[in-house]
Amino acid sequence: MKEIPIHFLPILIAALVRFGIGALWFSPLVFGKAWARLTGCSEDEMKRGMAKAMVVDLVGNLILCFVLVHAIVYAEAHTFGQGAAVGFFNWLGFIAVPMLATVFWEHRPWRLYAIQTGFQLVSLVIIGGGLAAWYL
């Protein structure tokens, strides 16, 4: 197994970047209103759970970025483009395809699938590219 040196600063910055992308993506300015309508989540429900959700999201982002660094190192991605490709293929295999189940088994709308997986795609491509360019 390949030894991977862990540098926490780029992982932390990538996690914060992903957090920022999510804040913008799910804001009322972009897809927040449509997402809330499609999920049936009221503004009061969102406000009540906001602090806890933000902490869980940030911890999850740190874990995701830590794992993504491993994929980048194993792929020997050294440029932004190569890292973005690693992010894309991780999105395709581990997010886009498995989340199709929400459309077919849970009968969720395609638009909700597009909003949720679109965020994952954009964030993974950006942080994958950034981590490859900075980390390696």
N, C-alpha and C. Protein backbone atom coordinates (compact mmCIF):
# COMPACT_ATOMS: atom_id res chain seq x y z
N MET A 1 0.85 -1.18 0.00
CA MET A 1 0.00 0.00 0.00
C MET A 1 0.89 1.23 0.00
N LYS A 2 0.54 2.16 -0.83
CA LYS A 2 1.31 3.39 -0.98
C LYS A 2 1.17 4.26 0.26
N GLU A 3 2.30 4.76 0.76
CA GLU A 3 2.26 5.65 1.91
C GLU A 3 1.92 7.05 1.44
N ILE A 4 0.97 7.67 2.11
CA ILE A 4 0.51 9.00 1.71
C ILE A 4 0.75 9.97 2.86
N PRO A 5 1.64 10.94 2.64
CA PRO A 5 1.84 11.95 3.68
C PRO A 5 0.61 12.85 3.76
N ILE A 6 0.17 13.12 4.96
CA ILE A 6 -1.03 13.92 5.14
C ILE A 6 -0.64 15.34 5.52
N HIS A 7 -1.12 16.29 4.71
CA HIS A 7 -0.93 17.72 4.97
C HIS A 7 -2.31 18.29 5.24
N PHE A 8 -2.51 18.71 6.48
CA PHE A 8 -3.86 19.08 6.88
C PHE A 8 -4.32 20.44 6.37
N LEU A 9 -3.40 21.37 6.10
CA LEU A 9 -3.82 22.68 5.64
C LEU A 9 -4.58 22.62 4.31
N PRO A 10 -4.06 21.94 3.27
CA PRO A 10 -4.84 21.88 2.03
C PRO A 10 -6.17 21.14 2.20
N ILE A 11 -6.19 20.13 3.07
CA ILE A 11 -7.43 19.40 3.32
C ILE A 11 -8.45 20.32 4.00
N LEU A 12 -8.00 21.09 4.97
CA LEU A 12 -8.89 22.02 5.67
C LEU A 12 -9.41 23.08 4.71
N ILE A 13 -8.53 23.64 3.89
CA ILE A 13 -8.96 24.67 2.94
C ILE A 13 -9.94 24.10 1.92
N ALA A 14 -9.67 22.90 1.42
CA ALA A 14 -10.58 22.26 0.47
C ALA A 14 -11.95 22.02 1.12
N ALA A 15 -11.95 21.60 2.39
CA ALA A 15 -13.21 21.37 3.10
C ALA A 15 -14.00 22.67 3.24
N LEU A 16 -13.29 23.75 3.52
CA LEU A 16 -13.95 25.06 3.65
C LEU A 16 -14.45 25.57 2.30
N VAL A 17 -13.69 25.31 1.24
CA VAL A 17 -14.12 25.69 -0.10
C VAL A 17 -15.40 24.93 -0.46
N ARG A 18 -15.42 23.64 -0.19
CA ARG A 18 -16.62 22.83 -0.46
C ARG A 18 -17.80 23.34 0.35
N PHE A 19 -17.56 23.71 1.60
CA PHE A 19 -18.60 24.27 2.46
C PHE A 19 -19.15 25.56 1.83
N GLY A 20 -18.26 26.40 1.33
CA GLY A 20 -18.67 27.65 0.68
C GLY A 20 -19.46 27.42 -0.59
N ILE A 21 -19.01 26.46 -1.39
CA ILE A 21 -19.75 26.12 -2.61
C ILE A 21 -21.16 25.66 -2.25
N GLY A 22 -21.26 24.82 -1.23
CA GLY A 22 -22.57 24.34 -0.79
C GLY A 22 -23.45 25.47 -0.28
N ALA A 23 -22.86 26.41 0.46
CA ALA A 23 -23.63 27.54 0.98
C ALA A 23 -24.20 28.37 -0.16
N LEU A 24 -23.40 28.59 -1.20
CA LEU A 24 -23.87 29.34 -2.35
C LEU A 24 -24.89 28.53 -3.16
N TRP A 25 -24.57 27.26 -3.42
CA TRP A 25 -25.42 26.39 -4.25
C TRP A 25 -26.82 26.26 -3.68
N PHE A 26 -26.89 26.09 -2.35
CA PHE A 26 -28.19 25.88 -1.70
C PHE A 26 -28.77 27.17 -1.12
N SER A 27 -28.21 28.31 -1.51
CA SER A 27 -28.76 29.59 -1.08
C SER A 27 -29.99 29.92 -1.92
N PRO A 28 -30.82 30.84 -1.44
CA PRO A 28 -31.98 31.26 -2.22
C PRO A 28 -31.60 31.88 -3.57
N LEU A 29 -30.38 32.36 -3.70
CA LEU A 29 -29.94 32.97 -4.95
C LEU A 29 -29.73 31.95 -6.06
N VAL A 30 -29.44 30.70 -5.69
CA VAL A 30 -29.14 29.69 -6.71
C VAL A 30 -30.24 28.62 -6.68
N PHE A 31 -30.06 27.53 -5.92
CA PHE A 31 -31.03 26.43 -5.95
C PHE A 31 -31.75 26.20 -4.62
N GLY A 32 -31.53 27.06 -3.64
CA GLY A 32 -32.10 26.85 -2.32
C GLY A 32 -33.61 26.77 -2.28
N LYS A 33 -34.29 27.68 -2.98
CA LYS A 33 -35.75 27.67 -2.97
C LYS A 33 -36.31 26.42 -3.65
N ALA A 34 -35.73 26.06 -4.79
CA ALA A 34 -36.19 24.85 -5.49
C ALA A 34 -35.90 23.61 -4.66
N TRP A 35 -34.72 23.55 -4.04
CA TRP A 35 -34.36 22.40 -3.21
C TRP A 35 -35.34 22.27 -2.03
N ALA A 36 -35.63 23.38 -1.36
CA ALA A 36 -36.55 23.34 -0.21
C ALA A 36 -37.93 22.88 -0.64
N ARG A 37 -38.41 23.38 -1.78
CA ARG A 37 -39.72 22.97 -2.28
C ARG A 37 -39.75 21.48 -2.62
N LEU A 38 -38.69 21.01 -3.28
CA LEU A 38 -38.65 19.61 -3.71
C LEU A 38 -38.48 18.63 -2.55
N THR A 39 -37.82 19.07 -1.48
CA THR A 39 -37.63 18.20 -0.32
C THR A 39 -38.73 18.35 0.72
N GLY A 40 -39.52 19.42 0.59
CA GLY A 40 -40.58 19.66 1.57
C GLY A 40 -40.05 20.20 2.87
N CYS A 41 -38.85 20.75 2.85
CA CYS A 41 -38.21 21.28 4.06
C CYS A 41 -38.60 22.75 4.23
N SER A 42 -39.20 23.09 5.36
CA SER A 42 -39.62 24.46 5.60
C SER A 42 -38.45 25.30 6.08
N GLU A 43 -38.61 26.61 5.99
CA GLU A 43 -37.57 27.53 6.47
C GLU A 43 -37.34 27.37 7.97
N ASP A 44 -38.41 27.15 8.72
CA ASP A 44 -38.28 26.95 10.17
C ASP A 44 -37.48 25.68 10.48
N GLU A 45 -37.77 24.60 9.75
CA GLU A 45 -37.02 23.35 9.95
C GLU A 45 -35.53 23.55 9.66
N MET A 46 -35.23 24.28 8.60
CA MET A 46 -33.83 24.53 8.25
C MET A 46 -33.14 25.35 9.33
N LYS A 47 -33.81 26.39 9.81
CA LYS A 47 -33.21 27.25 10.84
C LYS A 47 -32.99 26.50 12.14
N ARG A 48 -33.94 25.65 12.54
CA ARG A 48 -33.81 24.90 13.79
C ARG A 48 -32.60 23.97 13.79
N GLY A 49 -32.32 23.35 12.66
CA GLY A 49 -31.23 22.38 12.62
C GLY A 49 -29.95 22.90 12.01
N MET A 50 -29.87 24.22 11.75
CA MET A 50 -28.76 24.80 11.02
C MET A 50 -27.40 24.58 11.70
N ALA A 51 -27.28 24.87 12.98
CA ALA A 51 -25.99 24.77 13.65
C ALA A 51 -25.46 23.34 13.62
N LYS A 52 -26.31 22.41 13.97
CA LYS A 52 -25.91 21.00 13.97
C LYS A 52 -25.55 20.54 12.56
N ALA A 53 -26.36 20.93 11.58
CA ALA A 53 -26.10 20.53 10.19
C ALA A 53 -24.78 21.10 9.69
N MET A 54 -24.46 22.31 10.08
CA MET A 54 -23.20 22.93 9.63
C MET A 54 -21.99 22.20 10.20
N VAL A 55 -22.06 21.81 11.46
CA VAL A 55 -20.96 21.08 12.08
C VAL A 55 -20.79 19.72 11.41
N VAL A 56 -21.89 19.01 11.23
CA VAL A 56 -21.84 17.69 10.58
C VAL A 56 -21.32 17.82 9.16
N ASP A 57 -21.76 18.85 8.44
CA ASP A 57 -21.31 19.08 7.07
C ASP A 57 -19.81 19.35 7.02
N LEU A 58 -19.32 20.19 7.91
CA LEU A 58 -17.89 20.51 7.91
C LEU A 58 -17.05 19.27 8.23
N VAL A 59 -17.46 18.48 9.20
CA VAL A 59 -16.74 17.24 9.53
C VAL A 59 -16.79 16.28 8.34
N GLY A 60 -17.95 16.16 7.73
CA GLY A 60 -18.07 15.32 6.54
C GLY A 60 -17.18 15.80 5.40
N ASN A 61 -17.10 17.11 5.22
CA ASN A 61 -16.23 17.67 4.19
C ASN A 61 -14.76 17.35 4.45
N LEU A 62 -14.36 17.41 5.70
CA LEU A 62 -12.97 17.07 6.05
C LEU A 62 -12.69 15.60 5.70
N ILE A 63 -13.61 14.73 6.02
CA ILE A 63 -13.42 13.30 5.71
C ILE A 63 -13.40 13.10 4.20
N LEU A 64 -14.33 13.73 3.49
CA LEU A 64 -14.37 13.60 2.03
C LEU A 64 -13.06 14.07 1.41
N CYS A 65 -12.54 15.22 1.85
CA CYS A 65 -11.29 15.75 1.29
C CYS A 65 -10.11 14.86 1.63
N PHE A 66 -10.09 14.30 2.82
CA PHE A 66 -9.04 13.36 3.22
C PHE A 66 -9.03 12.14 2.30
N VAL A 67 -10.21 11.59 2.03
CA VAL A 67 -10.32 10.42 1.15
C VAL A 67 -9.98 10.81 -0.30
N LEU A 68 -10.43 11.98 -0.73
CA LEU A 68 -10.14 12.43 -2.09
C LEU A 68 -8.64 12.60 -2.31
N VAL A 69 -7.92 13.07 -1.31
CA VAL A 69 -6.46 13.18 -1.43
C VAL A 69 -5.86 11.81 -1.72
N HIS A 70 -6.36 10.79 -1.08
CA HIS A 70 -5.86 9.43 -1.33
C HIS A 70 -6.09 9.02 -2.79
N ALA A 71 -7.29 9.30 -3.29
CA ALA A 71 -7.58 8.97 -4.70
C ALA A 71 -6.67 9.75 -5.64
N ILE A 72 -6.40 11.00 -5.31
CA ILE A 72 -5.53 11.85 -6.14
C ILE A 72 -4.11 11.31 -6.14
N VAL A 73 -3.62 10.93 -4.98
CA VAL A 73 -2.26 10.38 -4.88
C VAL A 73 -2.17 9.06 -5.63
N TYR A 74 -3.14 8.19 -5.44
CA TYR A 74 -3.11 6.89 -6.14
C TYR A 74 -3.21 7.06 -7.65
N ALA A 75 -3.93 8.08 -8.10
CA ALA A 75 -4.05 8.34 -9.54
C ALA A 75 -2.83 9.07 -10.08
N GLU A 76 -1.95 9.49 -9.18
CA GLU A 76 -0.76 10.27 -9.55
C GLU A 76 -1.13 11.53 -10.32
N ALA A 77 -2.19 12.19 -9.85
CA ALA A 77 -2.64 13.45 -10.45
C ALA A 77 -1.78 14.58 -9.90
N HIS A 78 -1.17 15.35 -10.81
CA HIS A 78 -0.26 16.42 -10.39
C HIS A 78 -0.68 17.79 -10.88
N THR A 79 -1.74 17.88 -11.66
CA THR A 79 -2.19 19.17 -12.18
C THR A 79 -3.65 19.38 -11.80
N PHE A 80 -4.10 20.63 -11.96
CA PHE A 80 -5.50 20.92 -11.67
C PHE A 80 -6.42 20.05 -12.52
N GLY A 81 -6.11 19.94 -13.79
CA GLY A 81 -6.95 19.15 -14.70
C GLY A 81 -7.02 17.68 -14.32
N GLN A 82 -5.88 17.13 -13.95
CA GLN A 82 -5.85 15.72 -13.55
C GLN A 82 -6.64 15.51 -12.25
N GLY A 83 -6.48 16.44 -11.30
CA GLY A 83 -7.23 16.35 -10.05
C GLY A 83 -8.72 16.52 -10.27
N ALA A 84 -9.08 17.42 -11.19
CA ALA A 84 -10.48 17.61 -11.54
C ALA A 84 -11.06 16.33 -12.13
N ALA A 85 -10.26 15.64 -12.95
CA ALA A 85 -10.71 14.37 -13.53
C ALA A 85 -10.92 13.33 -12.44
N VAL A 86 -10.03 13.28 -11.46
CA VAL A 86 -10.21 12.35 -10.33
C VAL A 86 -11.51 12.69 -9.60
N GLY A 87 -11.75 13.98 -9.37
CA GLY A 87 -12.99 14.40 -8.73
C GLY A 87 -14.20 13.99 -9.55
N PHE A 88 -14.12 14.18 -10.87
CA PHE A 88 -15.23 13.81 -11.75
C PHE A 88 -15.53 12.31 -11.69
N PHE A 89 -14.51 11.49 -11.81
CA PHE A 89 -14.74 10.04 -11.82
C PHE A 89 -15.19 9.51 -10.47
N ASN A 90 -14.73 10.14 -9.38
CA ASN A 90 -15.25 9.76 -8.07
C ASN A 90 -16.72 10.16 -7.96
N TRP A 91 -17.07 11.33 -8.49
CA TRP A 91 -18.48 11.75 -8.50
C TRP A 91 -19.32 10.76 -9.31
N LEU A 92 -18.85 10.42 -10.49
CA LEU A 92 -19.60 9.54 -11.37
C LEU A 92 -19.85 8.18 -10.72
N GLY A 93 -18.79 7.57 -10.19
CA GLY A 93 -18.91 6.22 -9.65
C GLY A 93 -19.50 6.12 -8.26
N PHE A 94 -19.25 7.12 -7.42
CA PHE A 94 -19.65 7.01 -6.02
C PHE A 94 -20.80 7.92 -5.62
N ILE A 95 -21.22 8.82 -6.50
CA ILE A 95 -22.32 9.71 -6.16
C ILE A 95 -23.43 9.65 -7.21
N ALA A 96 -23.10 9.97 -8.47
CA ALA A 96 -24.13 10.07 -9.51
C ALA A 96 -24.90 8.76 -9.70
N VAL A 97 -24.18 7.68 -9.85
CA VAL A 97 -24.85 6.40 -10.08
C VAL A 97 -25.60 5.91 -8.84
N PRO A 98 -24.98 5.86 -7.66
CA PRO A 98 -25.74 5.39 -6.49
C PRO A 98 -26.96 6.26 -6.15
N MET A 99 -26.87 7.57 -6.40
CA MET A 99 -28.00 8.44 -6.08
C MET A 99 -29.17 8.28 -7.05
N LEU A 100 -28.95 7.57 -8.15
CA LEU A 100 -30.07 7.28 -9.05
C LEU A 100 -31.18 6.51 -8.33
N ALA A 101 -30.79 5.78 -7.30
CA ALA A 101 -31.77 5.01 -6.53
C ALA A 101 -32.84 5.93 -5.93
N THR A 102 -32.46 7.17 -5.59
CA THR A 102 -33.46 8.07 -5.01
C THR A 102 -34.54 8.42 -6.03
N VAL A 103 -34.19 8.42 -7.30
CA VAL A 103 -35.16 8.71 -8.35
C VAL A 103 -36.05 7.51 -8.60
N PHE A 104 -35.43 6.34 -8.70
CA PHE A 104 -36.20 5.16 -9.09
C PHE A 104 -36.87 4.43 -7.93
N TRP A 105 -36.21 4.33 -6.80
CA TRP A 105 -36.81 3.61 -5.66
C TRP A 105 -37.65 4.51 -4.77
N GLU A 106 -37.18 5.75 -4.58
CA GLU A 106 -37.88 6.67 -3.69
C GLU A 106 -38.80 7.62 -4.46
N HIS A 107 -38.78 7.51 -5.77
CA HIS A 107 -39.62 8.34 -6.64
C HIS A 107 -39.40 9.83 -6.41
N ARG A 108 -38.13 10.20 -6.21
CA ARG A 108 -37.77 11.61 -6.07
C ARG A 108 -37.69 12.24 -7.45
N PRO A 109 -37.95 13.53 -7.55
CA PRO A 109 -37.92 14.19 -8.86
C PRO A 109 -36.50 14.27 -9.44
N TRP A 110 -36.44 14.21 -10.76
CA TRP A 110 -35.16 14.34 -11.46
C TRP A 110 -34.51 15.68 -11.15
N ARG A 111 -35.32 16.72 -10.96
CA ARG A 111 -34.75 18.04 -10.67
C ARG A 111 -34.01 18.03 -9.33
N LEU A 112 -34.54 17.35 -8.35
CA LEU A 112 -33.87 17.24 -7.06
C LEU A 112 -32.56 16.48 -7.23
N TYR A 113 -32.60 15.40 -7.99
CA TYR A 113 -31.37 14.64 -8.29
C TYR A 113 -30.33 15.55 -8.94
N ALA A 114 -30.77 16.37 -9.90
CA ALA A 114 -29.85 17.26 -10.61
C ALA A 114 -29.25 18.31 -9.67
N ILE A 115 -30.07 18.86 -8.78
CA ILE A 115 -29.57 19.87 -7.84
C ILE A 115 -28.55 19.25 -6.90
N GLN A 116 -28.88 18.11 -6.32
CA GLN A 116 -27.99 17.49 -5.33
C GLN A 116 -26.72 16.94 -5.97
N THR A 117 -26.85 16.23 -7.06
CA THR A 117 -25.64 15.68 -7.68
C THR A 117 -24.85 16.75 -8.40
N GLY A 118 -25.53 17.81 -8.85
CA GLY A 118 -24.82 18.92 -9.47
C GLY A 118 -23.87 19.59 -8.49
N PHE A 119 -24.33 19.79 -7.26
CA PHE A 119 -23.45 20.34 -6.22
C PHE A 119 -22.25 19.43 -6.00
N GLN A 120 -22.52 18.13 -5.91
CA GLN A 120 -21.43 17.19 -5.68
C GLN A 120 -20.41 17.23 -6.82
N LEU A 121 -20.92 17.29 -8.05
CA LEU A 121 -20.04 17.35 -9.22
C LEU A 121 -19.17 18.59 -9.20
N VAL A 122 -19.78 19.74 -9.07
CA VAL A 122 -19.03 21.00 -9.09
C VAL A 122 -18.00 21.04 -7.96
N SER A 123 -18.41 20.66 -6.76
CA SER A 123 -17.48 20.73 -5.63
C SER A 123 -16.34 19.72 -5.76
N LEU A 124 -16.63 18.50 -6.19
CA LEU A 124 -15.57 17.51 -6.32
C LEU A 124 -14.57 17.86 -7.43
N VAL A 125 -15.05 18.42 -8.52
CA VAL A 125 -14.15 18.83 -9.60
C VAL A 125 -13.25 19.97 -9.13
N ILE A 126 -13.82 20.96 -8.45
CA ILE A 126 -13.04 22.11 -7.99
C ILE A 126 -12.04 21.70 -6.91
N ILE A 127 -12.50 20.98 -5.89
CA ILE A 127 -11.56 20.63 -4.82
C ILE A 127 -10.58 19.56 -5.27
N GLY A 128 -11.00 18.67 -6.17
CA GLY A 128 -10.07 17.68 -6.72
C GLY A 128 -8.94 18.36 -7.46
N GLY A 129 -9.31 19.33 -8.29
CA GLY A 129 -8.30 20.07 -9.03
C GLY A 129 -7.38 20.86 -8.11
N GLY A 130 -7.98 21.52 -7.14
CA GLY A 130 -7.18 22.32 -6.20
C GLY A 130 -6.26 21.47 -5.35
N LEU A 131 -6.76 20.36 -4.86
CA LEU A 131 -5.91 19.49 -4.03
C LEU A 131 -4.75 18.91 -4.84
N ALA A 132 -5.01 18.50 -6.08
CA ALA A 132 -3.93 17.94 -6.91
C ALA A 132 -2.87 19.00 -7.20
N ALA A 133 -3.31 20.21 -7.52
CA ALA A 133 -2.37 21.28 -7.85
C ALA A 133 -1.56 21.71 -6.64
N TRP A 134 -2.18 21.72 -5.47
CA TRP A 134 -1.49 22.20 -4.28
C TRP A 134 -0.80 21.08 -3.52
N TYR A 135 -1.48 19.97 -3.40
CA TYR A 135 -1.03 18.89 -2.51
C TYR A 135 0.20 18.18 -3.00
N LEU A 136 0.28 17.93 -4.31
CA LEU A 136 1.35 17.10 -4.83
C LEU A 136 2.47 17.89 -5.43
